[in-house]
Protein backbone atom coordinates (compact mmCIF):
# COMPACT_ATOMS: atom_id res chain seq x y z
CA UNK A 1 22.48 15.97 -1.55
CA UNK A 2 22.78 13.74 -4.61
CA UNK A 3 25.45 11.08 -4.72
CA UNK A 4 27.09 11.08 -8.14
CA UNK A 5 29.34 8.42 -9.54
CA UNK A 6 29.60 6.29 -12.63
CA UNK A 7 27.88 2.92 -12.54
CA UNK A 8 28.77 -0.09 -14.64
CA UNK A 9 28.41 -3.83 -14.11
CA UNK A 10 31.68 -5.77 -13.91
CA UNK A 11 31.67 -9.40 -12.76
CA UNK A 12 28.01 -9.07 -11.71
CA UNK A 13 28.73 -6.13 -9.37
CA UNK A 14 28.08 -2.42 -9.85
CA UNK A 15 31.20 -0.32 -9.86
CA UNK A 16 30.63 2.77 -7.77
CA UNK A 17 28.13 1.03 -5.50
CA UNK A 18 29.11 0.29 -1.93
CA UNK A 19 29.42 -3.51 -1.72
CA UNK A 20 28.29 -5.08 1.56
CA UNK A 21 28.23 -8.86 1.01
CA UNK A 22 25.15 -10.56 2.45
CA UNK A 23 25.15 -14.18 3.60
CA UNK A 24 21.45 -14.35 2.66
CA UNK A 25 21.77 -15.63 -0.89
CA UNK A 26 22.56 -18.75 -2.87
CA UNK A 27 23.13 -19.88 -6.43
CA UNK A 28 20.45 -19.39 -9.07
CA UNK A 29 19.19 -22.57 -10.75
CA UNK A 30 21.56 -23.70 -13.47
CA UNK A 31 21.15 -21.87 -16.81
CA UNK A 32 18.53 -19.53 -15.31
CA UNK A 33 18.02 -16.40 -17.40
CA UNK A 34 17.71 -13.14 -15.45
CA UNK A 35 14.77 -11.33 -17.05
CA UNK A 36 12.98 -9.34 -14.36
CA UNK A 37 13.53 -6.50 -11.87
CA UNK A 38 11.48 -6.31 -8.67
CA UNK A 39 11.25 -2.95 -6.90
CA UNK A 40 10.70 -2.95 -3.14
CA UNK A 41 10.38 -0.37 -0.39
CA UNK A 42 11.82 -0.70 3.12
CA UNK A 43 12.47 1.38 6.21
CA UNK A 44 13.83 0.18 9.56
CA UNK A 45 12.34 0.88 11.97
CA UNK A 46 9.20 1.42 9.88
CA UNK A 47 8.82 5.04 8.81
CA UNK A 48 12.32 6.03 9.93
CA UNK A 49 15.08 6.88 7.49
CA UNK A 50 18.82 7.39 7.62
CA UNK A 51 19.99 4.74 10.06
CA UNK A 52 22.23 1.81 9.14
CA UNK A 53 19.55 -0.68 10.23
CA UNK A 54 18.59 -1.72 6.69
CA UNK A 55 22.16 -2.52 5.70
CA UNK A 56 22.73 -4.36 8.99
CA UNK A 57 19.53 -6.35 8.50
CA UNK A 58 20.48 -7.46 4.99
CA UNK A 59 23.97 -8.43 6.17
CA UNK A 60 22.72 -10.40 9.18
CA UNK A 61 24.28 -7.91 11.60
CA UNK A 62 21.24 -6.10 13.03
CA UNK A 63 21.12 -5.75 16.81
CA UNK A 64 17.51 -6.86 17.35
CA UNK A 65 17.47 -5.43 20.89
CA UNK A 66 17.72 -1.84 19.60
CA UNK A 67 14.03 -1.45 18.72
CA UNK A 68 10.85 -3.32 19.65
CA UNK A 69 9.91 -3.78 15.97
CA UNK A 70 13.13 -5.65 15.29
CA UNK A 71 11.90 -8.61 17.37
CA UNK A 72 9.23 -9.21 14.69
CA UNK A 73 11.87 -9.68 11.96
CA UNK A 74 14.58 -11.46 13.94
CA UNK A 75 14.05 -14.84 12.25
CA UNK A 76 13.98 -13.44 8.71
CA UNK A 77 16.92 -13.94 6.36
CA UNK A 78 16.44 -11.37 3.60
CA UNK A 79 18.59 -9.68 0.98
CA UNK A 80 18.07 -7.70 -2.20
CA UNK A 81 20.71 -7.28 -4.83
CA UNK A 82 20.65 -3.48 -4.37
CA UNK A 83 19.45 -0.78 -2.01
CA UNK A 84 19.04 2.87 -3.03
CA UNK A 85 18.87 5.10 0.04
CA UNK A 86 17.08 8.44 0.39
CA UNK A 87 20.16 10.32 -0.87
CA UNK A 88 20.42 8.15 -3.98
CA UNK A 89 23.43 6.14 -2.82
CA UNK A 90 23.54 2.59 -4.17
CA UNK A 91 24.51 -0.37 -1.98
CA UNK A 92 24.98 -3.87 -3.35
CA UNK A 93 24.50 -6.94 -1.18
CA UNK A 94 24.41 -9.83 -3.65
CA UNK A 95 26.13 -10.26 -7.05
CA UNK A 96 23.61 -10.39 -9.89
CA UNK A 97 24.79 -13.89 -10.77
CA UNK A 98 23.42 -15.15 -7.43
CA UNK A 99 19.90 -15.50 -6.11
CA UNK A 100 19.07 -12.83 -3.52
CA UNK A 101 16.26 -13.58 -1.08
CA UNK A 102 13.94 -10.64 -1.73
CA UNK A 103 10.72 -11.88 -3.30
CA UNK A 104 9.59 -14.71 -1.02
CA UNK A 105 6.60 -16.73 -2.16
CA UNK A 106 5.90 -15.12 -5.52
CA UNK A 107 4.73 -15.61 -9.09
CA UNK A 108 4.86 -13.72 -12.38
CA UNK A 109 3.42 -14.63 -15.78
CA UNK A 110 2.79 -18.22 -14.72
CA UNK A 111 6.23 -18.71 -13.14
CA UNK A 112 6.79 -19.25 -9.44
CA UNK A 113 9.80 -18.43 -7.26
CA UNK A 114 10.69 -15.05 -8.73
CA UNK A 115 13.99 -14.95 -6.82
CA UNK A 116 15.25 -17.49 -9.37
CA UNK A 117 15.09 -15.11 -12.34
CA UNK A 118 14.91 -11.59 -10.93
CA UNK A 119 17.06 -8.78 -9.59
CA UNK A 120 15.71 -7.23 -6.39
CA UNK A 121 16.09 -3.49 -5.79
CA UNK A 122 15.07 -1.99 -2.45
CA UNK A 123 14.33 1.72 -2.08
CA UNK A 124 14.55 3.26 1.36
CA UNK A 125 10.98 4.38 1.90
CA UNK A 126 7.45 3.45 2.83
CA UNK A 127 4.18 2.86 1.02
CA UNK A 128 2.81 6.25 2.05
CA UNK A 129 5.78 8.66 1.99
CA UNK A 130 6.90 9.95 -1.43
CA UNK A 131 10.25 8.63 -2.60
CA UNK A 132 13.01 11.16 -3.30
CA UNK A 133 13.88 12.51 -6.74
CA UNK A 134 17.46 11.27 -6.18
CA UNK A 135 16.13 7.75 -5.75
CA UNK A 136 14.15 7.82 -8.99
CA UNK A 137 17.10 9.22 -10.94
CA UNK A 138 19.47 6.63 -9.55
CA UNK A 139 16.91 3.84 -10.04
CA UNK A 140 16.44 4.81 -13.68
CA UNK A 141 20.22 4.79 -14.22
CA UNK A 142 20.53 1.41 -12.50
CA UNK A 143 17.68 -0.11 -14.52
CA UNK A 144 19.09 1.22 -17.79
CA UNK A 145 22.48 -0.35 -17.09
CA UNK A 146 20.91 -3.63 -15.95
CA UNK A 147 18.82 -3.82 -19.14
CA UNK A 148 21.95 -3.36 -21.24
CA UNK A 149 23.89 -5.91 -19.20
CA UNK A 150 21.04 -8.46 -19.05
CA UNK A 151 19.15 -7.91 -22.33
CA UNK A 152 16.39 -10.39 -21.41
CA UNK A 153 15.04 -7.77 -18.98
CA UNK A 154 12.23 -5.89 -20.74
CA UNK A 155 10.24 -2.89 -19.52
CA UNK A 156 7.14 -5.04 -18.94
CA UNK A 157 9.23 -7.14 -16.53
CA UNK A 158 9.96 -4.23 -14.18
CA UNK A 159 7.46 -4.76 -11.38
CA UNK A 160 6.78 -3.99 -7.76
CA UNK A 161 6.86 -6.52 -4.94
CA UNK A 162 3.08 -6.16 -4.67
CA UNK A 163 2.75 -7.30 -8.31
CA UNK A 164 4.42 -10.66 -7.66
CA UNK A 165 3.05 -11.24 -4.14
CA UNK A 166 -0.46 -9.74 -4.24
CA UNK A 167 -2.28 -9.78 -0.94
CA UNK A 168 0.95 -10.51 0.90
CA UNK A 169 3.04 -7.46 0.01
CA UNK A 170 2.16 -3.84 -0.79
CA UNK A 171 5.53 -2.27 -1.60
CA UNK A 172 6.78 -0.09 -3.15
CA UNK A 173 3.28 1.22 -2.42
CA UNK A 174 0.99 3.94 -3.74
CA UNK A 175 3.62 6.58 -3.00
CA UNK A 176 5.82 5.12 -5.75
CA UNK A 177 5.45 7.12 -8.98
CA UNK A 178 5.62 4.58 -11.81
CA UNK A 179 4.84 7.23 -14.43
CA UNK A 180 7.80 9.32 -13.31
CA UNK A 181 10.13 6.32 -13.35
CA UNK A 182 8.94 5.42 -16.86
CA UNK A 183 9.50 8.99 -18.06
CA UNK A 184 13.08 8.84 -16.77
CA UNK A 185 13.61 5.49 -18.48
CA UNK A 186 12.27 6.97 -21.73
CA UNK A 187 14.81 9.80 -21.50
CA UNK A 188 17.61 7.29 -20.87
CA UNK A 189 16.53 5.23 -23.88
CA UNK A 190 15.24 2.09 -22.15
CA UNK A 191 12.46 1.50 -24.66
CA UNK A 192 12.46 -2.27 -24.97
């Protein structure tokens, strides 16, 4: 089932997205220009979809006793700006004006600390399971709106986590169809 609603950015938040404020964020460096989008993939527990574990993890509310895997992430403090679940629903955890903690140790085009200048978007999924059509459609809509709202974001600055943390991260993985995403962006007019 596809979730449909109108998205727009007002005061650095998406209207229509479900806002779940995360404590895992801070202020971007002063006068920092947002000019990149980083796409991630996550499932909690790994390979399982549809629970509220991801949202709870990003909000610091996960019960780590509920699954053996959770003990391995208990000390992590992580948040993206957005999550798009398997149904295409958009959740926002951090306003775009703030620095979400999604990239970790990272670099892009000679710059370090990608959290400073990027927007992090998580997709519910894994490296080896195809993402849903709903997710691609919603992601393309989200990216198009973000590029209009933050015009410094260019197509060549839409990357995967693996691109900015090679050897350390693999997401969104080989199951992510970059060509399909780009075709959707072309249809929506995100040419720059």
